Amino acid sequence: MKRVSSTLAIGGVLILISWETSPSARPTPPSPALSAADLERAEQATQSIVPLTAQIDDQAAQLRARLSQPIPKPQPARNPFVFGRGTYPFSTGNPQPGDRSRAKDLSPVGGNPVEKGYVPLALPVLVAITADATDGGLMRTAVLSMNDEMKTVRPGQTFDRFIVEAIGPESCRIVDITSPTRATFTVAIR
């Protein structure tokens, strides 16, 4: 270890000495004086560029005028900051007990039609469906969201007041456990 450190120290000293004793960089030679012909050619070149610079200045003025008028932005189709809250075609508010005029016919996949008088306040939104290959076959998982809550569910699990019955490749069948009858809905990916 002592040999390595002494070798490095001696090498460093030699490099420092060679740097100190080396000649400095050569000075740059002065630029030659320009002749009258060179000055005349430079003047002609600048005169030939004058129309181009005027054209560039005109284009810049036109662009500044266009930028001074703001372009109206289009109205967004959705508000990404209010996730899960929105107007749904099946519910426009709280239904009254005898009001059956706003009930929609939402027939599920199973063929068991929804009772005409029951209107859910809000259905969950199906965000995504994933499929995992297992030893027992293909296991699908659905991502449901409602208001500000989002949950990953499998068949048989609950989300809010709904039980997930089945998950298909593009839709999910859910059952409302708070309905007077067994109300089944099918939600699909938007």
Foldseek 3Di string as FASTA:
>chain_A
DVVVVVVVVVVVVVVVVCVVPDDDDDDDDDDDDDDPVVVVVVVVVVVVCVVVVVVVVVVVVVVVVVVVDDDDDDDDPDDPVFPQDDDDQQADDDDDQPDLPSFDFAQAPVRPIFDSRDGDHDDWAWADKDWDQDPVGIFIWTWTDHGHDIDIGGQQDDDDQWGWHHDDPFWTKIWRPPDPDTGIHIHGHD
